């Protein structure tokens, strides 16, 4: 557990410092929304809503990838835009 988040949970991931955007923050999905938690300020901000049936969450550089039952969402932290990729 880090700051109350289970980093082994499929819907939680940690941004690596120096890996692009969001380093050191914890990203998580709760009730169909993507949040970024900043452990320094201890604040969470909502980044994206209406995520249906999320299965997994990962981050590489500025891209957060959300695997859902019927599609994959990519959220770019640098532009704050999402891309939908259907299976």
PDB file of N, CA and C in Angstrom:
ATOM      1  N   UNK A   1       0.840  -1.179   0.000  1.00  0.00           N
ATOM      2  CA  UNK A   1       0.000   0.000   0.000  1.00  0.00           C
ATOM      3  C   UNK A   1       0.890   1.250   0.000  1.00  0.00           C
ATOM      4  N   UNK A   2       0.600   2.150  -0.916  1.00  0.00           N
ATOM      5  CA  UNK A   2       1.298   3.423  -1.002  1.00  0.00           C
ATOM      6  C   UNK A   2       0.256   4.528  -0.929  1.00  0.00           C
ATOM      7  N   UNK A   3       0.332   5.349   0.101  1.00  0.00           N
ATOM      8  CA  UNK A   3      -0.619   6.452   0.303  1.00  0.00           C
ATOM      9  C   UNK A   3      -2.062   5.948   0.275  1.00  0.00           C
ATOM     10  N   UNK A   4      -2.273   4.719   0.748  1.00  0.00           N
ATOM     11  CA  UNK A   4      -3.613   4.146   0.788  1.00  0.00           C
ATOM     12  C   UNK A   4      -4.034   3.455  -0.495  1.00  0.00           C
ATOM     13  N   UNK A   5      -3.150   3.360  -1.487  1.00  0.00           N
ATOM     14  CA  UNK A   5      -3.457   2.719  -2.763  1.00  0.00           C
ATOM     15  C   UNK A   5      -2.712   1.389  -2.871  1.00  0.00           C
ATOM     16  N   UNK A   6      -3.401   0.367  -3.316  1.00  0.00           N
ATOM     17  CA  UNK A   6      -2.794  -0.938  -3.555  1.00  0.00           C
ATOM     18  C   UNK A   6      -2.246  -0.942  -4.982  1.00  0.00           C
ATOM     19  N   UNK A   7      -0.946  -0.778  -5.137  1.00  0.00           N
ATOM     20  CA  UNK A   7      -0.339  -0.669  -6.467  1.00  0.00           C
ATOM     21  C   UNK A   7      -0.407  -1.965  -7.264  1.00  0.00           C
ATOM     22  N   UNK A   8      -0.771  -3.070  -6.622  1.00  0.00           N
ATOM     23  CA  UNK A   8      -0.930  -4.330  -7.353  1.00  0.00           C
ATOM     24  C   UNK A   8      -2.336  -4.480  -7.931  1.00  0.00           C
ATOM     25  N   UNK A   9      -3.250  -3.573  -7.586  1.00  0.00           N
ATOM     26  CA  UNK A   9      -4.613  -3.608  -8.110  1.00  0.00           C
ATOM     27  C   UNK A   9      -4.602  -3.230  -9.585  1.00  0.00           C
ATOM     28  N   UNK A  10      -5.425  -3.896 -10.375  1.00  0.00           N
ATOM     29  CA  UNK A  10      -5.461  -3.681 -11.836  1.00  0.00           C
ATOM     30  C   UNK A  10      -5.853  -2.265 -12.229  1.00  0.00           C
ATOM     31  N   UNK A  11      -6.579  -1.552 -11.377  1.00  0.00           N
ATOM     32  CA  UNK A  11      -7.052  -0.214 -11.730  1.00  0.00           C
ATOM     33  C   UNK A  11      -6.277   0.890 -11.017  1.00  0.00           C
ATOM     34  N   UNK A  12      -5.033   0.579 -10.636  1.00  0.00           N
ATOM     35  CA  UNK A  12      -4.136   1.547  -9.989  1.00  0.00           C
ATOM     36  C   UNK A  12      -2.762   1.426 -10.633  1.00  0.00           C
ATOM     37  N   UNK A  13      -2.138   2.559 -10.937  1.00  0.00           N
ATOM     38  CA  UNK A  13      -0.745   2.535 -11.403  1.00  0.00           C
ATOM     39  C   UNK A  13      -0.049   3.805 -10.935  1.00  0.00           C
ATOM     40  N   UNK A  14       1.274   3.726 -10.859  1.00  0.00           N
ATOM     41  CA  UNK A  14       2.066   4.848 -10.366  1.00  0.00           C
ATOM     42  C   UNK A  14       2.900   5.431 -11.499  1.00  0.00           C
ATOM     43  N   UNK A  15       2.905   6.751 -11.606  1.00  0.00           N
ATOM     44  CA  UNK A  15       3.745   7.424 -12.582  1.00  0.00           C
ATOM     45  C   UNK A  15       5.181   7.447 -12.102  1.00  0.00           C
ATOM     46  N   UNK A  16       6.100   7.085 -12.967  1.00  0.00           N
ATOM     47  CA  UNK A  16       7.511   7.037 -12.621  1.00  0.00           C
ATOM     48  C   UNK A  16       8.124   8.420 -12.839  1.00  0.00           C
ATOM     49  N   UNK A  17       8.824   8.911 -11.852  1.00  0.00           N
ATOM     50  CA  UNK A  17       9.473  10.216 -11.964  1.00  0.00           C
ATOM     51  C   UNK A  17      10.496  10.159 -13.099  1.00  0.00           C
ATOM     52  N   UNK A  18      10.434  11.125 -14.016  1.00  0.00           N
ATOM     53  CA  UNK A  18      11.352  11.185 -15.144  1.00  0.00           C
ATOM     54  C   UNK A  18      10.870  10.455 -16.378  1.00  0.00           C
ATOM     55  N   UNK A  19       9.666   9.852 -16.304  1.00  0.00           N
ATOM     56  CA  UNK A  19       9.120   9.079 -17.421  1.00  0.00           C
ATOM     57  C   UNK A  19       8.141   9.904 -18.254  1.00  0.00           C
ATOM     58  N   UNK A  20       8.212  11.199 -18.207  1.00  0.00           N
ATOM     59  CA  UNK A  20       7.268  12.025 -18.967  1.00  0.00           C
ATOM     60  C   UNK A  20       6.327  12.743 -18.024  1.00  0.00           C
ATOM     61  N   UNK A  21       5.059  12.727 -18.331  1.00  0.00           N
ATOM     62  CA  UNK A  21       4.043  13.442 -17.559  1.00  0.00           C
ATOM     63  C   UNK A  21       3.583  12.633 -16.347  1.00  0.00           C
ATOM     64  N   UNK A  22       3.259  13.305 -15.280  1.00  0.00           N
ATOM     65  CA  UNK A  22       2.634  12.659 -14.131  1.00  0.00           C
ATOM     66  C   UNK A  22       3.550  11.840 -13.258  1.00  0.00           C
ATOM     67  N   UNK A  23       4.835  12.075 -13.315  1.00  0.00           N
ATOM     68  CA  UNK A  23       5.772  11.327 -12.490  1.00  0.00           C
ATOM     69  C   UNK A  23       5.506  11.514 -11.009  1.00  0.00           C
ATOM     70  N   UNK A  24       5.495  10.420 -10.264  1.00  0.00           N
ATOM     71  CA  UNK A  24       5.271  10.479  -8.833  1.00  0.00           C
ATOM     72  C   UNK A  24       3.814  10.485  -8.421  1.00  0.00           C
ATOM     73  N   UNK A  25       2.917  10.604  -9.364  1.00  0.00           N
ATOM     74  CA  UNK A  25       1.490  10.593  -9.043  1.00  0.00           C
ATOM     75  C   UNK A  25       0.950   9.170  -9.137  1.00  0.00           C
ATOM     76  N   UNK A  26      -0.151   8.950  -8.467  1.00  0.00           N
ATOM     77  CA  UNK A  26      -0.817   7.650  -8.514  1.00  0.00           C
ATOM     78  C   UNK A  26      -2.109   7.832  -9.296  1.00  0.00           C
ATOM     79  N   UNK A  27      -2.266   7.027 -10.333  1.00  0.00           N
ATOM     80  CA  UNK A  27      -3.455   7.079 -11.182  1.00  0.00           C
ATOM     81  C   UNK A  27      -4.359   5.915 -10.813  1.00  0.00           C
ATOM     82  N   UNK A  28      -5.648   6.200 -10.730  1.00  0.00           N
ATOM     83  CA  UNK A  28      -6.581   5.138 -10.358  1.00  0.00           C
ATOM     84  C   UNK A  28      -7.960   5.417 -10.942  1.00  0.00           C
ATOM     85  N   UNK A  29      -8.707   4.345 -11.117  1.00  0.00           N
ATOM     86  CA  UNK A  29     -10.075   4.452 -11.616  1.00  0.00           C
ATOM     87  C   UNK A  29     -11.019   4.111 -10.478  1.00  0.00           C
ATOM     88  N   UNK A  30     -11.988   4.991 -10.273  1.00  0.00           N
ATOM     89  CA  UNK A  30     -12.983   4.814  -9.231  1.00  0.00           C
ATOM     90  C   UNK A  30     -14.330   5.254  -9.778  1.00  0.00           C
ATOM     91  N   UNK A  31     -15.310   4.370  -9.692  1.00  0.00           N
ATOM     92  CA  UNK A  31     -16.681   4.671 -10.118  1.00  0.00           C
ATOM     93  C   UNK A  31     -16.716   5.237 -11.529  1.00  0.00           C
ATOM     94  N   UNK A  32     -15.967   4.620 -12.449  1.00  0.00           N
ATOM     95  CA  UNK A  32     -16.007   5.008 -13.853  1.00  0.00           C
ATOM     96  C   UNK A  32     -15.261   6.275 -14.207  1.00  0.00           C
ATOM     97  N   UNK A  33     -14.377   6.739 -13.326  1.00  0.00           N
ATOM     98  CA  UNK A  33     -13.612   7.961 -13.595  1.00  0.00           C
ATOM     99  C   UNK A  33     -12.129   7.719 -13.296  1.00  0.00           C
ATOM    100  N   UNK A  34     -11.264   8.361 -14.089  1.00  0.00           N
ATOM    101  CA  UNK A  34      -9.821   8.297 -13.903  1.00  0.00           C
ATOM    102  C   UNK A  34      -9.384   9.489 -13.061  1.00  0.00           C
ATOM    103  N   UNK A  35      -8.618   9.208 -12.009  1.00  0.00           N
ATOM    104  CA  UNK A  35      -8.114  10.238 -11.106  1.00  0.00           C
ATOM    105  C   UNK A  35      -6.594  10.197 -11.058  1.00  0.00           C
ATOM    106  N   UNK A  36      -6.001  11.349 -10.771  1.00  0.00           N
ATOM    107  CA  UNK A  36      -4.573  11.446 -10.480  1.00  0.00           C
ATOM    108  C   UNK A  36      -4.446  11.960  -9.055  1.00  0.00           C
ATOM    109  N   UNK A  37      -3.720  11.202  -8.232  1.00  0.00           N
ATOM    110  CA  UNK A  37      -3.485  11.583  -6.843  1.00  0.00           C
ATOM    111  C   UNK A  37      -2.045  12.065  -6.715  1.00  0.00           C
ATOM    112  N   UNK A  38      -1.877  13.242  -6.144  1.00  0.00           N
ATOM    113  CA  UNK A  38      -0.556  13.818  -5.916  1.00  0.00           C
ATOM    114  C   UNK A  38      -0.202  13.618  -4.447  1.00  0.00           C
ATOM    115  N   UNK A  39       0.781  12.747  -4.148  1.00  0.00           N
ATOM    116  CA  UNK A  39       1.126  12.496  -2.746  1.00  0.00           C
ATOM    117  C   UNK A  39       1.736  13.702  -2.024  1.00  0.00           C
ATOM    118  N   UNK A  40       2.273  14.663  -2.749  1.00  0.00           N
ATOM    119  CA  UNK A  40       2.848  15.847  -2.111  1.00  0.00           C
ATOM    120  C   UNK A  40       1.744  16.753  -1.570  1.00  0.00           C
ATOM    121  N   UNK A  41       0.773  17.071  -2.426  1.00  0.00           N
ATOM    122  CA  UNK A  41      -0.329  17.939  -1.999  1.00  0.00           C
ATOM    123  C   UNK A  41      -1.471  17.148  -1.353  1.00  0.00           C
ATOM    124  N   UNK A  42      -1.447  15.824  -1.530  1.00  0.00           N
ATOM    125  CA  UNK A  42      -2.492  14.914  -1.046  1.00  0.00           C
ATOM    126  C   UNK A  42      -3.851  15.237  -1.649  1.00  0.00           C
ATOM    127  N   UNK A  43      -3.844  15.703  -2.901  1.00  0.00           N
ATOM    128  CA  UNK A  43      -5.083  16.021  -3.610  1.00  0.00           C
ATOM    129  C   UNK A  43      -5.248  15.109  -4.817  1.00  0.00           C
ATOM    130  N   UNK A  44      -6.507  14.817  -5.141  1.00  0.00           N
ATOM    131  CA  UNK A  44      -6.846  14.056  -6.342  1.00  0.00           C
ATOM    132  C   UNK A  44      -7.597  14.956  -7.302  1.00  0.00           C
ATOM    133  N   UNK A  45      -7.309  14.789  -8.590  1.00  0.00           N
ATOM    134  CA  UNK A  45      -8.097  15.502  -9.600  1.00  0.00           C
ATOM    135  C   UNK A  45      -8.659  14.474 -10.573  1.00  0.00           C
ATOM    136  N   UNK A  46      -9.865  14.761 -11.038  1.00  0.00           N
ATOM    137  CA  UNK A  46     -10.522  13.886 -12.005  1.00  0.00           C
ATOM    138  C   UNK A  46     -10.041  14.266 -13.401  1.00  0.00           C
ATOM    139  N   UNK A  47      -9.535  13.261 -14.128  1.00  0.00           N
ATOM    140  CA  UNK A  47      -9.007  13.497 -15.470  1.00  0.00           C
ATOM    141  C   UNK A  47      -9.975  13.091 -16.573  1.00  0.00           C
ATOM    142  N   UNK A  48     -10.779  12.060 -16.318  1.00  0.00           N
ATOM    143  CA  UNK A  48     -11.620  11.489 -17.373  1.00  0.00           C
ATOM    144  C   UNK A  48     -12.822  10.808 -16.731  1.00  0.00           C
ATOM    145  N   UNK A  49     -13.984  10.948 -17.361  1.00  0.00           N
ATOM    146  CA  UNK A  49     -15.210  10.337 -16.853  1.00  0.00           C
ATOM    147  C   UNK A  49     -15.774   9.340 -17.853  1.00  0.00           C
ATOM    148  N   UNK A  50     -16.832   8.666 -17.435  1.00  0.00           N
ATOM    149  CA  UNK A  50     -17.599   7.746 -18.282  1.00  0.00           C
ATOM    150  C   UNK A  50     -16.765   6.592 -18.821  1.00  0.00           C
ATOM    151  N   UNK A  51     -15.941   6.007 -17.975  1.00  0.00           N
ATOM    152  CA  UNK A  51     -15.163   4.833 -18.347  1.00  0.00           C
ATOM    153  C   UNK A  51     -16.025   3.613 -18.021  1.00  0.00           C
ATOM    154  N   UNK A  52     -16.391   2.872 -19.053  1.00  0.00           N
ATOM    155  CA  UNK A  52     -17.298   1.738 -18.869  1.00  0.00           C
ATOM    156  C   UNK A  52     -16.546   0.421 -18.814  1.00  0.00           C
ATOM    157  N   UNK A  53     -16.777  -0.329 -17.755  1.00  0.00           N
ATOM    158  CA  UNK A  53     -16.230  -1.675 -17.555  1.00  0.00           C
ATOM    159  C   UNK A  53     -14.703  -1.731 -17.671  1.00  0.00           C
ATOM    160  N   UNK A  54     -13.991  -0.927 -16.873  1.00  0.00           N
ATOM    161  CA  UNK A  54     -12.523  -0.965 -16.932  1.00  0.00           C
ATOM    162  C   UNK A  54     -11.983  -2.276 -16.360  1.00  0.00           C
ATOM    163  N   UNK A  55     -10.942  -2.786 -16.998  1.00  0.00           N
ATOM    164  CA  UNK A  55     -10.310  -4.030 -16.558  1.00  0.00           C
ATOM    165  C   UNK A  55      -8.869  -3.821 -16.106  1.00  0.00           C
ATOM    166  N   UNK A  56      -8.182  -2.836 -16.708  1.00  0.00           N
ATOM    167  CA  UNK A  56      -6.777  -2.620 -16.385  1.00  0.00           C
ATOM    168  C   UNK A  56      -6.343  -1.208 -16.698  1.00  0.00           C
ATOM    169  N   UNK A  57      -5.265  -0.797 -16.050  1.00  0.00           N
ATOM    170  CA  UNK A  57      -4.747   0.565 -16.183  1.00  0.00           C
ATOM    171  C   UNK A  57      -3.226   0.498 -16.181  1.00  0.00           C
ATOM    172  N   UNK A  58      -2.604   1.210 -17.129  1.00  0.00           N
ATOM    173  CA  UNK A  58      -1.136   1.287 -17.149  1.00  0.00           C
ATOM    174  C   UNK A  58      -0.730   2.643 -17.723  1.00  0.00           C
ATOM    175  N   UNK A  59       0.524   3.024 -17.446  1.00  0.00           N
ATOM    176  CA  UNK A  59       1.027   4.313 -17.910  1.00  0.00           C
ATOM    177  C   UNK A  59       2.433   4.149 -18.453  1.00  0.00           C
ATOM    178  N   UNK A  60       2.680   4.777 -19.574  1.00  0.00           N
ATOM    179  CA  UNK A  60       4.027   4.839 -20.140  1.00  0.00           C
ATOM    180  C   UNK A  60       4.200   6.242 -20.703  1.00  0.00           C
ATOM    181  N   UNK A  61       5.218   6.931 -20.217  1.00  0.00           N
ATOM    182  CA  UNK A  61       5.470   8.327 -20.597  1.00  0.00           C
ATOM    183  C   UNK A  61       4.210   9.148 -20.312  1.00  0.00           C
ATOM    184  N   UNK A  62       3.656   9.844 -21.297  1.00  0.00           N
ATOM    185  CA  UNK A  62       2.480  10.693 -21.077  1.00  0.00           C
ATOM    186  C   UNK A  62       1.158   9.998 -21.418  1.00  0.00           C
ATOM    187  N   UNK A  63       1.212   8.725 -21.759  1.00  0.00           N
ATOM    188  CA  UNK A  63       0.005   8.010 -22.178  1.00  0.00           C
ATOM    189  C   UNK A  63      -0.469   7.059 -21.094  1.00  0.00           C
ATOM    190  N   UNK A  64      -1.726   7.221 -20.696  1.00  0.00           N
ATOM    191  CA  UNK A  64      -2.377   6.289 -19.789  1.00  0.00           C
ATOM    192  C   UNK A  64      -3.286   5.415 -20.649  1.00  0.00           C
ATOM    193  N   UNK A  65      -3.118   4.112 -20.544  1.00  0.00           N
ATOM    194  CA  UNK A  65      -3.922   3.165 -21.304  1.00  0.00           C
ATOM    195  C   UNK A  65      -4.892   2.480 -20.355  1.00  0.00           C
ATOM    196  N   UNK A  66      -6.173   2.487 -20.743  1.00  0.00           N
ATOM    197  CA  UNK A  66      -7.226   1.867 -19.944  1.00  0.00           C
ATOM    198  C   UNK A  66      -7.853   0.764 -20.789  1.00  0.00           C
ATOM    199  N   UNK A  67      -7.664  -0.469 -20.334  1.00  0.00           N
ATOM    200  CA  UNK A  67      -8.275  -1.611 -21.009  1.00  0.00           C
ATOM    201  C   UNK A  67      -9.687  -1.781 -20.467  1.00  0.00           C
ATOM    202  N   UNK A  68     -10.666  -1.789 -21.366  1.00  0.00           N
ATOM    203  CA  UNK A  68     -12.060  -2.003 -20.997  1.00  0.00           C
ATOM    204  C   UNK A  68     -12.546  -3.285 -21.657  1.00  0.00           C
ATOM    205  N   UNK A  69     -13.752  -3.727 -21.302  1.00  0.00           N
ATOM    206  CA  UNK A  69     -14.283  -4.965 -21.869  1.00  0.00           C
ATOM    207  C   UNK A  69     -14.386  -4.910 -23.391  1.00  0.00           C
ATOM    208  N   UNK A  70     -14.857  -3.794 -23.948  1.00  0.00           N
ATOM    209  CA  UNK A  70     -15.141  -3.726 -25.383  1.00  0.00           C
ATOM    210  C   UNK A  70     -14.168  -2.866 -26.185  1.00  0.00           C
ATOM    211  N   UNK A  71     -13.246  -2.174 -25.509  1.00  0.00           N
ATOM    212  CA  UNK A  71     -12.337  -1.269 -26.214  1.00  0.00           C
ATOM    213  C   UNK A  71     -11.162  -0.893 -25.315  1.00  0.00           C
ATOM    214  N   UNK A  72     -10.265  -0.142 -25.878  1.00  0.00           N
ATOM    215  CA  UNK A  72      -9.128   0.401 -25.132  1.00  0.00           C
ATOM    216  C   UNK A  72      -9.152   1.920 -25.275  1.00  0.00           C
ATOM    217  N   UNK A  73      -8.964   2.603 -24.164  1.00  0.00           N
ATOM    218  CA  UNK A  73      -8.860   4.063 -24.174  1.00  0.00           C
ATOM    219  C   UNK A  73      -7.411   4.443 -23.939  1.00  0.00           C
ATOM    220  N   UNK A  74      -6.942   5.430 -24.686  1.00  0.00           N
ATOM    221  CA  UNK A  74      -5.634   6.020 -24.422  1.00  0.00           C
ATOM    222  C   UNK A  74      -5.860   7.476 -24.075  1.00  0.00           C
ATOM    223  N   UNK A  75      -5.316   7.885 -22.940  1.00  0.00           N
ATOM    224  CA  UNK A  75      -5.463   9.257 -22.479  1.00  0.00           C
ATOM    225  C   UNK A  75      -4.083   9.889 -22.450  1.00  0.00           C
ATOM    226  N   UNK A  76      -3.916  10.965 -23.207  1.00  0.00           N
ATOM    227  CA  UNK A  76      -2.634  11.664 -23.305  1.00  0.00           C
ATOM    228  C   UNK A  76      -2.611  12.794 -22.269  1.00  0.00           C
ATOM    229  N   UNK A  77      -1.749  12.655 -21.281  1.00  0.00           N
ATOM    230  CA  UNK A  77      -1.659  13.664 -20.224  1.00  0.00           C
ATOM    231  C   UNK A  77      -1.145  15.010 -20.723  1.00  0.00           C
ATOM    232  N   UNK A  78      -0.341  14.999 -21.786  1.00  0.00           N
ATOM    233  CA  UNK A  78       0.218  16.256 -22.285  1.00  0.00           C
ATOM    234  C   UNK A  78      -0.823  17.109 -22.992  1.00  0.00           C
ATOM    235  N   UNK A  79      -1.791  16.475 -23.647  1.00  0.00           N
ATOM    236  CA  UNK A  79      -2.836  17.221 -24.362  1.00  0.00           C
ATOM    237  C   UNK A  79      -4.199  17.114 -23.686  1.00  0.00           C
ATOM    238  N   UNK A  80      -4.298  16.240 -22.673  1.00  0.00           N
ATOM    239  CA  UNK A  80      -5.562  15.984 -21.960  1.00  0.00           C
ATOM    240  C   UNK A  80      -6.658  15.529 -22.929  1.00  0.00           C
ATOM    241  N   UNK A  81      -6.269  14.675 -23.887  1.00  0.00           N
ATOM    242  CA  UNK A  81      -7.223  14.146 -24.872  1.00  0.00           C
ATOM    243  C   UNK A  81      -7.211  12.636 -24.838  1.00  0.00           C
ATOM    244  N   UNK A  82      -8.374  12.072 -25.168  1.00  0.00           N
ATOM    245  CA  UNK A  82      -8.490  10.613 -25.191  1.00  0.00           C
ATOM    246  C   UNK A  82      -8.665  10.103 -26.615  1.00  0.00           C
ATOM    247  N   UNK A  83      -8.227   8.873 -26.815  1.00  0.00           N
ATOM    248  CA  UNK A  83      -8.403   8.173 -28.077  1.00  0.00           C
ATOM    249  C   UNK A  83      -9.044   6.831 -27.766  1.00  0.00           C
ATOM    250  N   UNK A  84     -10.052   6.471 -28.543  1.00  0.00           N
ATOM    251  CA  UNK A  84     -10.743   5.203 -28.371  1.00  0.00           C
ATOM    252  C   UNK A  84     -10.256   4.230 -29.423  1.00  0.00           C
ATOM    253  N   UNK A  85      -9.849   3.054 -29.009  1.00  0.00           N
ATOM    254  CA  UNK A  85      -9.423   2.014 -29.947  1.00  0.00           C
ATOM    255  C   UNK A  85     -10.307   0.795 -29.722  1.00  0.00           C
ATOM    256  N   UNK A  86     -11.072   0.438 -30.724  1.00  0.00           N
ATOM    257  CA  UNK A  86     -11.965  -0.725 -30.615  1.00  0.00           C
ATOM    258  C   UNK A  86     -11.222  -1.989 -30.972  1.00  0.00           C
ATOM    259  N   UNK A  87     -11.666  -3.086 -30.369  1.00  0.00           N
ATOM    260  CA  UNK A  87     -11.073  -4.390 -30.671  1.00  0.00           C
ATOM    261  C   UNK A  87     -11.556  -4.888 -32.003  1.00  0.00           C
TER     262      UNK A  87
END
